[in-house]
Amino acid sequence: MTALAQIINGILIGIVQGISEWLPISSKTQVLIAAQYLLHLTFQQAYTFGLFMEIGTIIAAIIYFRKELFGLIEVLLGAKDAMKRKLFVYILVTIVLTGIIGAPLYLFADSLSGIPVGVPLLIIGIVLLIDAAVIRHSRKKQLHGENTRKLEDLSTKDFALVGIAQGIAALPGVSRSGITTSALLLMKVEADEAFRLSFLTGIFAAIAAFALTLVASHTNVSVAIASIGALGIIVAIITATVISLFLIDFLIKIAGKSKIVYVTAALGLIAIASGVLYLLLNVPHIAG
């Protein structure tokens, strides 16, 4: 593959990863399809590559949430700050449950030649539309003096539910950001807090998924990297990182405004449209 072709493929895959990671359309599935088309990978190789490409969004999230992450380190070093300790417990509980549920599901998916992803997207889309209604109702309650929930109002049971939801996202077609944000919104967590908590726990889930691909599917990773080329993978990671930084900031900022109702509804419609498209085209069943 020429250097120009590597750069073009890298930009395209980076754009797909950078945008889809933060929308309810499953980044690993979008990269899977793009990699099958652009790099001619098998289903298993493309699925693994979709998880590997989360390295770009991991870098972006670490940069964006650096203050919160430093706070977690402070807790490990003995800090007594109540909110930092609460965030630490939230991350710990969600990640443990994500690993317990997600690792077996990843190994199961990695052993198949194709998985229908349209149905999960339809479900997430419907849930997001429900979320939009929940946010609208919650905002009306706030106007009447009733408070919605923040991190400090959540219990360990709530943390566990987020972890379970995130673990299910190991399957192709299930969006991690979509399912975790939806779960938090259904718990009546304020929209901007729901997006923030979803993105924060996603850092550690993505790191775990990235590490699992290197350990359990290193052959598929090697084939994928060889297909796109060293230059292509560098360009893809940089592109995904830059786009992710913009989208994280945009979504969290708009989540604190009244327009988030319309944004959430739009995300739900996007997920539903994607699910319908996949089912109609039968794209998810493409095998190597």
C-alpha atoms as a PDB file:
ATOM      1  CA  MET A   1       0.000   0.000   0.000  1.00  0.00           C
ATOM      2  CA  THR A   2       1.374   3.403  -0.968  1.00  0.00           C
ATOM      3  CA  ALA A   3       2.015   6.133   1.605  1.00  0.00           C
ATOM      4  CA  LEU A   4      -0.871   8.181   0.171  1.00  0.00           C
ATOM      5  CA  ALA A   5      -3.256   5.236   0.453  1.00  0.00           C
ATOM      6  CA  GLN A   6      -2.159   4.664   4.056  1.00  0.00           C
ATOM      7  CA  ILE A   7      -2.794   8.310   4.913  1.00  0.00           C
ATOM      8  CA  ILE A   8      -6.228   8.327   3.256  1.00  0.00           C
ATOM      9  CA  ASN A   9      -7.285   5.085   4.960  1.00  0.00           C
ATOM     10  CA  GLY A  10      -5.901   6.342   8.255  1.00  0.00           C
ATOM     11  CA  ILE A  11      -7.852   9.608   8.017  1.00  0.00           C
ATOM     12  CA  LEU A  12     -11.083   7.823   7.086  1.00  0.00           C
ATOM     13  CA  ILE A  13     -10.830   5.237   9.868  1.00  0.00           C
ATOM     14  CA  GLY A  14      -9.757   7.917  12.361  1.00  0.00           C
ATOM     15  CA  ILE A  15     -12.805  10.015  11.469  1.00  0.00           C
ATOM     16  CA  VAL A  16     -15.106   7.009  11.855  1.00  0.00           C
ATOM     17  CA  GLN A  17     -13.588   6.135  15.244  1.00  0.00           C
ATOM     18  CA  GLY A  18     -13.442   9.712  16.525  1.00  0.00           C
ATOM     19  CA  ILE A  19     -17.086  10.429  15.733  1.00  0.00           C
ATOM     20  CA  SER A  20     -18.751   7.098  16.458  1.00  0.00           C
ATOM     21  CA  GLU A  21     -17.055   6.553  19.837  1.00  0.00           C
ATOM     22  CA  TRP A  22     -19.144   9.316  21.386  1.00  0.00           C
ATOM     23  CA  LEU A  23     -22.385   8.702  19.489  1.00  0.00           C
ATOM     24  CA  PRO A  24     -24.792   5.804  20.163  1.00  0.00           C
ATOM     25  CA  ILE A  25     -23.797   3.897  17.028  1.00  0.00           C
ATOM     26  CA  SER A  26     -21.031   1.612  18.358  1.00  0.00           C
ATOM     27  CA  SER A  27     -17.567   2.741  17.261  1.00  0.00           C
ATOM     28  CA  LYS A  28     -16.225  -0.809  17.091  1.00  0.00           C
ATOM     29  CA  THR A  29     -19.003  -1.727  14.668  1.00  0.00           C
ATOM     30  CA  GLN A  30     -18.405   1.326  12.460  1.00  0.00           C
ATOM     31  CA  VAL A  31     -14.653   0.650  12.370  1.00  0.00           C
ATOM     32  CA  LEU A  32     -15.402  -3.029  11.757  1.00  0.00           C
ATOM     33  CA  ILE A  33     -17.412  -2.188   8.648  1.00  0.00           C
ATOM     34  CA  ALA A  34     -14.921   0.453   7.466  1.00  0.00           C
ATOM     35  CA  ALA A  35     -11.998  -1.943   7.963  1.00  0.00           C
ATOM     36  CA  GLN A  36     -13.748  -4.722   6.057  1.00  0.00           C
ATOM     37  CA  TYR A  37     -14.388  -2.338   3.168  1.00  0.00           C
ATOM     38  CA  LEU A  38     -11.109  -0.391   3.112  1.00  0.00           C
ATOM     39  CA  LEU A  39      -8.629  -3.006   4.342  1.00  0.00           C
ATOM     40  CA  HIS A  40     -10.438  -6.202   3.272  1.00  0.00           C
ATOM     41  CA  LEU A  41     -10.194  -7.761   6.725  1.00  0.00           C
ATOM     42  CA  THR A  42     -12.237 -10.710   7.947  1.00  0.00           C
ATOM     43  CA  PHE A  43     -15.006 -10.168  10.509  1.00  0.00           C
ATOM     44  CA  GLN A  44     -12.810 -11.265  13.420  1.00  0.00           C
ATOM     45  CA  GLN A  45      -9.855  -9.155  12.294  1.00  0.00           C
ATOM     46  CA  ALA A  46     -12.029  -6.088  11.728  1.00  0.00           C
ATOM     47  CA  TYR A  47     -13.846  -6.549  15.055  1.00  0.00           C
ATOM     48  CA  THR A  48     -10.523  -6.737  16.891  1.00  0.00           C
ATOM     49  CA  PHE A  49      -9.244  -3.716  14.978  1.00  0.00           C
ATOM     50  CA  GLY A  50     -12.349  -1.783  16.017  1.00  0.00           C
ATOM     51  CA  LEU A  51     -11.431  -2.328  19.673  1.00  0.00           C
ATOM     52  CA  PHE A  52      -7.742  -1.634  19.041  1.00  0.00           C
ATOM     53  CA  MET A  53      -8.581   1.724  17.457  1.00  0.00           C
ATOM     54  CA  GLU A  54     -10.025   2.931  20.747  1.00  0.00           C
ATOM     55  CA  ILE A  55      -6.470   3.962  21.603  1.00  0.00           C
ATOM     56  CA  GLY A  56      -7.138   7.300  19.875  1.00  0.00           C
ATOM     57  CA  THR A  57     -10.234   8.050  21.915  1.00  0.00           C
ATOM     58  CA  ILE A  58      -8.468   6.861  25.092  1.00  0.00           C
ATOM     59  CA  ILE A  59      -5.751   9.475  24.548  1.00  0.00           C
ATOM     60  CA  ALA A  60      -8.363  12.183  23.951  1.00  0.00           C
ATOM     61  CA  ALA A  61     -10.365  11.274  27.052  1.00  0.00           C
ATOM     62  CA  ILE A  62      -7.240  11.191  29.242  1.00  0.00           C
ATOM     63  CA  ILE A  63      -6.302  14.672  28.032  1.00  0.00           C
ATOM     64  CA  TYR A  64      -9.821  16.043  28.558  1.00  0.00           C
ATOM     65  CA  PHE A  65     -10.403  14.462  31.975  1.00  0.00           C
ATOM     66  CA  ARG A  66      -6.851  14.869  33.283  1.00  0.00           C
ATOM     67  CA  LYS A  67      -8.002  16.718  36.432  1.00  0.00           C
ATOM     68  CA  GLU A  68     -10.426  13.947  37.393  1.00  0.00           C
ATOM     69  CA  LEU A  69      -7.770  11.304  36.715  1.00  0.00           C
ATOM     70  CA  PHE A  70      -5.223  13.134  38.867  1.00  0.00           C
ATOM     71  CA  GLY A  71      -7.909  13.176  41.565  1.00  0.00           C
ATOM     72  CA  LEU A  72      -8.152   9.373  41.385  1.00  0.00           C
ATOM     73  CA  ILE A  73      -4.377   9.117  41.818  1.00  0.00           C
ATOM     74  CA  GLU A  74      -4.631  11.391  44.858  1.00  0.00           C
ATOM     75  CA  VAL A  75      -7.181   9.013  46.386  1.00  0.00           C
ATOM     76  CA  LEU A  76      -4.761   6.116  45.885  1.00  0.00           C
ATOM     77  CA  LEU A  77      -2.151   8.196  47.687  1.00  0.00           C
ATOM     78  CA  GLY A  78      -4.483   8.749  50.630  1.00  0.00           C
ATOM     79  CA  ALA A  79      -6.523  11.860  49.793  1.00  0.00           C
ATOM     80  CA  LYS A  80      -9.645  12.224  51.956  1.00  0.00           C
ATOM     81  CA  ASP A  81     -11.686  14.436  49.619  1.00  0.00           C
ATOM     82  CA  ALA A  82     -15.223  12.988  49.687  1.00  0.00           C
ATOM     83  CA  MET A  83     -16.092  13.657  46.044  1.00  0.00           C
ATOM     84  CA  LYS A  84     -12.802  12.285  44.740  1.00  0.00           C
ATOM     85  CA  ARG A  85     -13.285   9.154  46.830  1.00  0.00           C
ATOM     86  CA  LYS A  86     -16.862   8.793  45.558  1.00  0.00           C
ATOM     87  CA  LEU A  87     -15.642   9.050  41.955  1.00  0.00           C
ATOM     88  CA  PHE A  88     -12.938   6.475  42.740  1.00  0.00           C
ATOM     89  CA  VAL A  89     -15.532   4.004  44.064  1.00  0.00           C
ATOM     90  CA  TYR A  90     -17.741   4.654  41.012  1.00  0.00           C
ATOM     91  CA  ILE A  91     -14.872   3.903  38.627  1.00  0.00           C
ATOM     92  CA  LEU A  92     -13.769   0.824  40.600  1.00  0.00           C
ATOM     93  CA  VAL A  93     -17.218  -0.768  40.789  1.00  0.00           C
ATOM     94  CA  THR A  94     -18.132  -0.093  37.167  1.00  0.00           C
ATOM     95  CA  ILE A  95     -14.823  -1.359  35.805  1.00  0.00           C
ATOM     96  CA  VAL A  96     -14.830  -4.574  37.861  1.00  0.00           C
ATOM     97  CA  LEU A  97     -18.323  -5.459  36.649  1.00  0.00           C
ATOM     98  CA  THR A  98     -17.509  -4.371  33.104  1.00  0.00           C
ATOM     99  CA  GLY A  99     -14.581  -6.790  33.085  1.00  0.00           C
ATOM    100  CA  ILE A 100     -16.538  -9.677  34.575  1.00  0.00           C
ATOM    101  CA  ILE A 101     -19.295  -9.334  31.973  1.00  0.00           C
ATOM    102  CA  GLY A 102     -17.443  -7.825  29.038  1.00  0.00           C
ATOM    103  CA  ALA A 103     -14.418 -10.143  28.766  1.00  0.00           C
ATOM    104  CA  PRO A 104     -16.449 -13.348  28.167  1.00  0.00           C
ATOM    105  CA  LEU A 105     -18.716 -11.521  25.720  1.00  0.00           C
ATOM    106  CA  TYR A 106     -15.660 -10.230  23.809  1.00  0.00           C
ATOM    107  CA  LEU A 107     -14.164 -13.714  23.561  1.00  0.00           C
ATOM    108  CA  PHE A 108     -17.540 -15.051  22.410  1.00  0.00           C
ATOM    109  CA  ALA A 109     -17.906 -12.362  19.733  1.00  0.00           C
ATOM    110  CA  ASP A 110     -14.305 -12.794  18.607  1.00  0.00           C
ATOM    111  CA  SER A 111     -14.980 -16.467  17.865  1.00  0.00           C
ATOM    112  CA  LEU A 112     -17.844 -15.801  15.451  1.00  0.00           C
ATOM    113  CA  SER A 113     -17.797 -14.938  11.762  1.00  0.00           C
ATOM    114  CA  GLY A 114     -20.578 -12.395  11.963  1.00  0.00           C
ATOM    115  CA  ILE A 115     -23.026 -10.911  14.461  1.00  0.00           C
ATOM    116  CA  PRO A 116     -26.307  -9.080  13.796  1.00  0.00           C
ATOM    117  CA  VAL A 117     -25.781  -5.548  15.143  1.00  0.00           C
ATOM    118  CA  GLY A 118     -28.939  -3.884  13.873  1.00  0.00           C
ATOM    119  CA  VAL A 119     -31.181  -5.032  16.731  1.00  0.00           C
ATOM    120  CA  PRO A 120     -28.988  -3.653  19.568  1.00  0.00           C
ATOM    121  CA  LEU A 121     -28.842  -0.308  17.783  1.00  0.00           C
ATOM    122  CA  LEU A 122     -32.626  -0.224  17.462  1.00  0.00           C
ATOM    123  CA  ILE A 123     -32.970  -0.921  21.184  1.00  0.00           C
ATOM    124  CA  ILE A 124     -30.437   1.768  22.142  1.00  0.00           C
ATOM    125  CA  GLY A 125     -32.175   4.220  19.803  1.00  0.00           C
ATOM    126  CA  ILE A 126     -35.525   3.630  21.476  1.00  0.00           C
ATOM    127  CA  VAL A 127     -33.934   3.974  24.920  1.00  0.00           C
ATOM    128  CA  LEU A 128     -32.366   7.292  23.908  1.00  0.00           C
ATOM    129  CA  LEU A 129     -35.747   8.598  22.793  1.00  0.00           C
ATOM    130  CA  ILE A 130     -37.062   7.596  26.211  1.00  0.00           C
ATOM    131  CA  ASP A 131     -34.046   9.375  27.719  1.00  0.00           C
ATOM    132  CA  ALA A 132     -35.002  12.555  25.875  1.00  0.00           C
ATOM    133  CA  ALA A 133     -38.454  12.382  27.441  1.00  0.00           C
ATOM    134  CA  VAL A 134     -36.890  11.714  30.862  1.00  0.00           C
ATOM    135  CA  ILE A 135     -34.597  14.750  30.503  1.00  0.00           C
ATOM    136  CA  ARG A 136     -37.509  16.944  29.468  1.00  0.00           C
ATOM    137  CA  HIS A 137     -39.534  15.748  32.452  1.00  0.00           C
ATOM    138  CA  SER A 138     -36.549  16.240  34.781  1.00  0.00           C
ATOM    139  CA  ARG A 139     -36.001  19.791  33.546  1.00  0.00           C
ATOM    140  CA  LYS A 140     -39.658  20.584  34.277  1.00  0.00           C
ATOM    141  CA  LYS A 141     -39.190  19.188  37.793  1.00  0.00           C
ATOM    142  CA  GLN A 142     -36.170  21.419  38.295  1.00  0.00           C
ATOM    143  CA  LEU A 143     -38.274  24.435  37.425  1.00  0.00           C
ATOM    144  CA  HIS A 144     -40.600  23.405  40.238  1.00  0.00           C
ATOM    145  CA  GLY A 145     -37.729  23.086  42.698  1.00  0.00           C
ATOM    146  CA  GLU A 146     -37.199  19.334  42.455  1.00  0.00           C
ATOM    147  CA  ASN A 147     -33.591  18.219  42.060  1.00  0.00           C
ATOM    148  CA  THR A 148     -32.166  15.650  39.684  1.00  0.00           C
ATOM    149  CA  ARG A 149     -29.289  13.416  40.752  1.00  0.00           C
ATOM    150  CA  LYS A 150     -25.528  13.921  40.699  1.00  0.00           C
ATOM    151  CA  LEU A 151     -22.655  11.566  41.476  1.00  0.00           C
ATOM    152  CA  GLU A 152     -22.969  12.191  45.212  1.00  0.00           C
ATOM    153  CA  ASP A 153     -26.601  11.002  45.097  1.00  0.00           C
ATOM    154  CA  LEU A 154     -25.811   7.651  43.493  1.00  0.00           C
ATOM    155  CA  SER A 155     -25.381   4.406  45.397  1.00  0.00           C
ATOM    156  CA  THR A 156     -23.093   1.419  44.873  1.00  0.00           C
ATOM    157  CA  LYS A 157     -26.095  -0.362  43.337  1.00  0.00           C
ATOM    158  CA  ASP A 158     -26.347   2.425  40.748  1.00  0.00           C
ATOM    159  CA  PHE A 159     -22.635   2.077  40.002  1.00  0.00           C
ATOM    160  CA  ALA A 160     -23.119  -1.670  39.513  1.00  0.00           C
ATOM    161  CA  LEU A 161     -25.914  -1.129  36.992  1.00  0.00           C
ATOM    162  CA  VAL A 162     -23.668   1.177  34.949  1.00  0.00           C
ATOM    163  CA  GLY A 163     -20.911  -1.449  35.054  1.00  0.00           C
ATOM    164  CA  ILE A 164     -23.266  -4.176  33.867  1.00  0.00           C
ATOM    165  CA  ALA A 165     -24.519  -1.980  31.030  1.00  0.00           C
ATOM    166  CA  GLN A 166     -20.975  -1.175  29.983  1.00  0.00           C
ATOM    167  CA  GLY A 167     -19.993  -4.841  30.042  1.00  0.00           C
ATOM    168  CA  ILE A 168     -22.784  -5.676  27.599  1.00  0.00           C
ATOM    169  CA  ALA A 169     -21.258  -3.098  25.241  1.00  0.00           C
ATOM    170  CA  ALA A 170     -18.453  -5.573  24.474  1.00  0.00           C
ATOM    171  CA  LEU A 171     -20.802  -7.067  21.875  1.00  0.00           C
ATOM    172  CA  PRO A 172     -20.722  -5.659  18.338  1.00  0.00           C
ATOM    173  CA  GLY A 173     -23.578  -3.261  17.701  1.00  0.00           C
ATOM    174  CA  VAL A 174     -23.837  -2.104  21.312  1.00  0.00           C
ATOM    175  CA  SER A 175     -22.562   1.424  21.874  1.00  0.00           C
ATOM    176  CA  ARG A 176     -20.699   1.836  25.164  1.00  0.00           C
ATOM    177  CA  SER A 177     -21.307   5.577  25.426  1.00  0.00           C
ATOM    178  CA  GLY A 178     -24.913   5.100  24.303  1.00  0.00           C
ATOM    179  CA  ILE A 179     -25.791   2.355  26.768  1.00  0.00           C
ATOM    180  CA  THR A 180     -24.002   3.863  29.792  1.00  0.00           C
ATOM    181  CA  THR A 181     -25.326   7.375  29.197  1.00  0.00           C
ATOM    182  CA  SER A 182     -28.821   5.971  28.740  1.00  0.00           C
ATOM    183  CA  ALA A 183     -28.554   3.993  31.970  1.00  0.00           C
ATOM    184  CA  LEU A 184     -27.476   7.086  33.904  1.00  0.00           C
ATOM    185  CA  LEU A 185     -30.193   9.249  32.368  1.00  0.00           C
ATOM    186  CA  LEU A 186     -32.821   6.661  33.266  1.00  0.00           C
ATOM    187  CA  MET A 187     -31.510   6.885  36.851  1.00  0.00           C
ATOM    188  CA  LYS A 188     -32.511  10.575  36.632  1.00  0.00           C
ATOM    189  CA  VAL A 189     -28.897  11.769  36.633  1.00  0.00           C
ATOM    190  CA  GLU A 190     -28.592  15.303  35.239  1.00  0.00           C
ATOM    191  CA  ALA A 191     -27.659  15.186  31.544  1.00  0.00           C
ATOM    192  CA  ASP A 192     -24.228  16.845  31.711  1.00  0.00           C
ATOM    193  CA  GLU A 193     -23.294  14.670  34.712  1.00  0.00           C
ATOM    194  CA  ALA A 194     -24.504  11.540  32.876  1.00  0.00           C
ATOM    195  CA  PHE A 195     -22.313  12.288  29.855  1.00  0.00           C
ATOM    196  CA  ARG A 196     -19.323  13.108  32.086  1.00  0.00           C
ATOM    197  CA  LEU A 197     -19.641   9.920  34.145  1.00  0.00           C
ATOM    198  CA  SER A 198     -20.209   7.816  31.031  1.00  0.00           C
ATOM    199  CA  PHE A 199     -17.120   9.187  29.294  1.00  0.00           C
ATOM    200  CA  LEU A 200     -14.977   8.867  32.432  1.00  0.00           C
ATOM    201  CA  THR A 201     -15.711   5.200  33.036  1.00  0.00           C
ATOM    202  CA  GLY A 202     -15.338   4.622  29.304  1.00  0.00           C
ATOM    203  CA  ILE A 203     -11.630   5.475  29.572  1.00  0.00           C
ATOM    204  CA  PHE A 204     -10.916   2.448  31.738  1.00  0.00           C
ATOM    205  CA  ALA A 205     -13.229   0.146  29.780  1.00  0.00           C
ATOM    206  CA  ALA A 206     -11.500   1.172  26.551  1.00  0.00           C
ATOM    207  CA  ILE A 207      -8.063   0.603  28.073  1.00  0.00           C
ATOM    208  CA  ALA A 208      -9.164  -2.869  29.200  1.00  0.00           C
ATOM    209  CA  ALA A 209     -10.613  -3.654  25.768  1.00  0.00           C
ATOM    210  CA  PHE A 210      -7.430  -2.432  24.085  1.00  0.00           C
ATOM    211  CA  ALA A 211      -5.269  -4.602  26.367  1.00  0.00           C
ATOM    212  CA  LEU A 212      -7.526  -7.625  25.847  1.00  0.00           C
ATOM    213  CA  THR A 213      -7.170  -7.378  22.074  1.00  0.00           C
ATOM    214  CA  LEU A 214      -3.369  -7.353  22.410  1.00  0.00           C
ATOM    215  CA  VAL A 215      -3.405 -10.408  24.678  1.00  0.00           C
ATOM    216  CA  ALA A 216      -6.235 -12.531  23.273  1.00  0.00           C
ATOM    217  CA  SER A 217      -6.214 -11.481  19.609  1.00  0.00           C
ATOM    218  CA  HIS A 218      -2.685 -10.269  18.889  1.00  0.00           C
ATOM    219  CA  THR A 219      -2.607 -12.117  15.565  1.00  0.00           C
ATOM    220  CA  ASN A 220      -5.685 -10.254  14.321  1.00  0.00           C
ATOM    221  CA  VAL A 221      -4.183  -6.971  15.522  1.00  0.00           C
ATOM    222  CA  SER A 222      -0.945  -7.681  13.651  1.00  0.00           C
ATOM    223  CA  VAL A 223      -2.826  -8.466  10.435  1.00  0.00           C
ATOM    224  CA  ALA A 224      -4.924  -5.292  10.728  1.00  0.00           C
ATOM    225  CA  ILE A 225      -1.908  -3.062  11.386  1.00  0.00           C
ATOM    226  CA  ALA A 226      -0.034  -4.663   8.496  1.00  0.00           C
ATOM    227  CA  SER A 227      -3.046  -3.999   6.255  1.00  0.00           C
ATOM    228  CA  ILE A 228      -3.289  -0.285   7.056  1.00  0.00           C
ATOM    229  CA  GLY A 229       0.479   0.228   7.434  1.00  0.00           C
ATOM    230  CA  ALA A 230       2.525   1.965  10.139  1.00  0.00           C
ATOM    231  CA  LEU A 231       1.870   5.412   8.669  1.00  0.00           C
ATOM    232  CA  GLY A 232      -1.823   4.664   8.320  1.00  0.00           C
ATOM    233  CA  ILE A 233      -2.253   3.579  11.952  1.00  0.00           C
ATOM    234  CA  ILE A 234      -0.419   6.686  13.220  1.00  0.00           C
ATOM    235  CA  VAL A 235      -2.625   8.954  11.099  1.00  0.00           C
ATOM    236  CA  ALA A 236      -5.758   7.096  12.232  1.00  0.00           C
ATOM    237  CA  ILE A 237      -4.886   7.459  15.924  1.00  0.00           C
ATOM    238  CA  ILE A 238      -4.042  11.175  15.609  1.00  0.00           C
ATOM    239  CA  THR A 239      -7.232  11.856  13.637  1.00  0.00           C
ATOM    240  CA  ALA A 240      -9.404   9.963  16.143  1.00  0.00           C
ATOM    241  CA  THR A 241      -7.780  11.828  19.050  1.00  0.00           C
ATOM    242  CA  VAL A 242      -8.342  15.306  17.587  1.00  0.00           C
ATOM    243  CA  ILE A 243     -11.963  14.640  16.613  1.00  0.00           C
ATOM    244  CA  SER A 244     -12.688  12.999  19.983  1.00  0.00           C
ATOM    245  CA  LEU A 245     -11.420  16.028  21.910  1.00  0.00           C
ATOM    246  CA  PHE A 246     -13.842  18.255  20.012  1.00  0.00           C
ATOM    247  CA  LEU A 247     -16.830  15.930  20.421  1.00  0.00           C
ATOM    248  CA  ILE A 248     -16.313  15.260  24.138  1.00  0.00           C
ATOM    249  CA  ASP A 249     -16.252  18.984  24.831  1.00  0.00           C
ATOM    250  CA  PHE A 250     -19.249  19.664  22.587  1.00  0.00           C
ATOM    251  CA  LEU A 251     -21.479  16.959  24.050  1.00  0.00           C
ATOM    252  CA  ILE A 252     -20.731  17.759  27.698  1.00  0.00           C
ATOM    253  CA  LYS A 253     -21.236  21.487  27.180  1.00  0.00           C
ATOM    254  CA  ILE A 254     -24.488  21.110  25.284  1.00  0.00           C
ATOM    255  CA  ALA A 255     -25.700  18.538  27.838  1.00  0.00           C
ATOM    256  CA  GLY A 256     -25.982  21.332  30.381  1.00  0.00           C
ATOM    257  CA  LYS A 257     -28.310  23.296  28.134  1.00  0.00           C
ATOM    258  CA  SER A 258     -31.949  22.861  27.217  1.00  0.00           C
ATOM    259  CA  LYS A 259     -30.992  21.771  23.697  1.00  0.00           C
ATOM    260  CA  ILE A 260     -29.745  18.424  25.067  1.00  0.00           C
ATOM    261  CA  VAL A 261     -33.332  17.144  24.824  1.00  0.00           C
ATOM    262  CA  TYR A 262     -33.223  17.574  21.068  1.00  0.00           C
ATOM    263  CA  VAL A 263     -29.649  16.283  20.820  1.00  0.00           C
ATOM    264  CA  THR A 264     -30.538  13.118  22.755  1.00  0.00           C
ATOM    265  CA  ALA A 265     -33.624  12.572  20.603  1.00  0.00           C
ATOM    266  CA  ALA A 266     -31.503  13.100  17.473  1.00  0.00           C
ATOM    267  CA  LEU A 267     -28.939  10.549  18.730  1.00  0.00           C
ATOM    268  CA  GLY A 268     -31.773   8.093  19.287  1.00  0.00           C
ATOM    269  CA  LEU A 269     -33.039   8.597  15.743  1.00  0.00           C
ATOM    270  CA  ILE A 270     -29.493   8.165  14.389  1.00  0.00           C
ATOM    271  CA  ALA A 271     -29.134   4.869  16.266  1.00  0.00           C
ATOM    272  CA  ILE A 272     -32.519   3.636  15.013  1.00  0.00           C
ATOM    273  CA  ALA A 273     -31.725   4.662  11.426  1.00  0.00           C
ATOM    274  CA  SER A 274     -28.362   2.882  11.644  1.00  0.00           C
ATOM    275  CA  GLY A 275     -29.983  -0.255  13.024  1.00  0.00           C
ATOM    276  CA  VAL A 276     -32.594  -0.295  10.254  1.00  0.00           C
ATOM    277  CA  LEU A 277     -29.912   0.280   7.617  1.00  0.00           C
ATOM    278  CA  TYR A 278     -27.782  -2.583   8.933  1.00  0.00           C
ATOM    279  CA  LEU A 279     -30.748  -4.946   8.990  1.00  0.00           C
ATOM    280  CA  LEU A 280     -31.816  -3.976   5.486  1.00  0.00           C
ATOM    281  CA  LEU A 281     -28.342  -4.322   4.010  1.00  0.00           C
ATOM    282  CA  ASN A 282     -27.476  -7.320   6.175  1.00  0.00           C
ATOM    283  CA  VAL A 283     -24.053  -5.692   6.625  1.00  0.00           C
ATOM    284  CA  PRO A 284     -23.307  -7.183  10.066  1.00  0.00           C
ATOM    285  CA  HIS A 285     -23.397 -10.722   8.694  1.00  0.00           C
ATOM    286  CA  ILE A 286     -20.507 -10.127   6.313  1.00  0.00           C
ATOM    287  CA  ALA A 287     -17.924 -12.758   7.149  1.00  0.00           C
ATOM    288  CA  GLY A 288     -14.356 -13.148   6.066  1.00  0.00           C
END
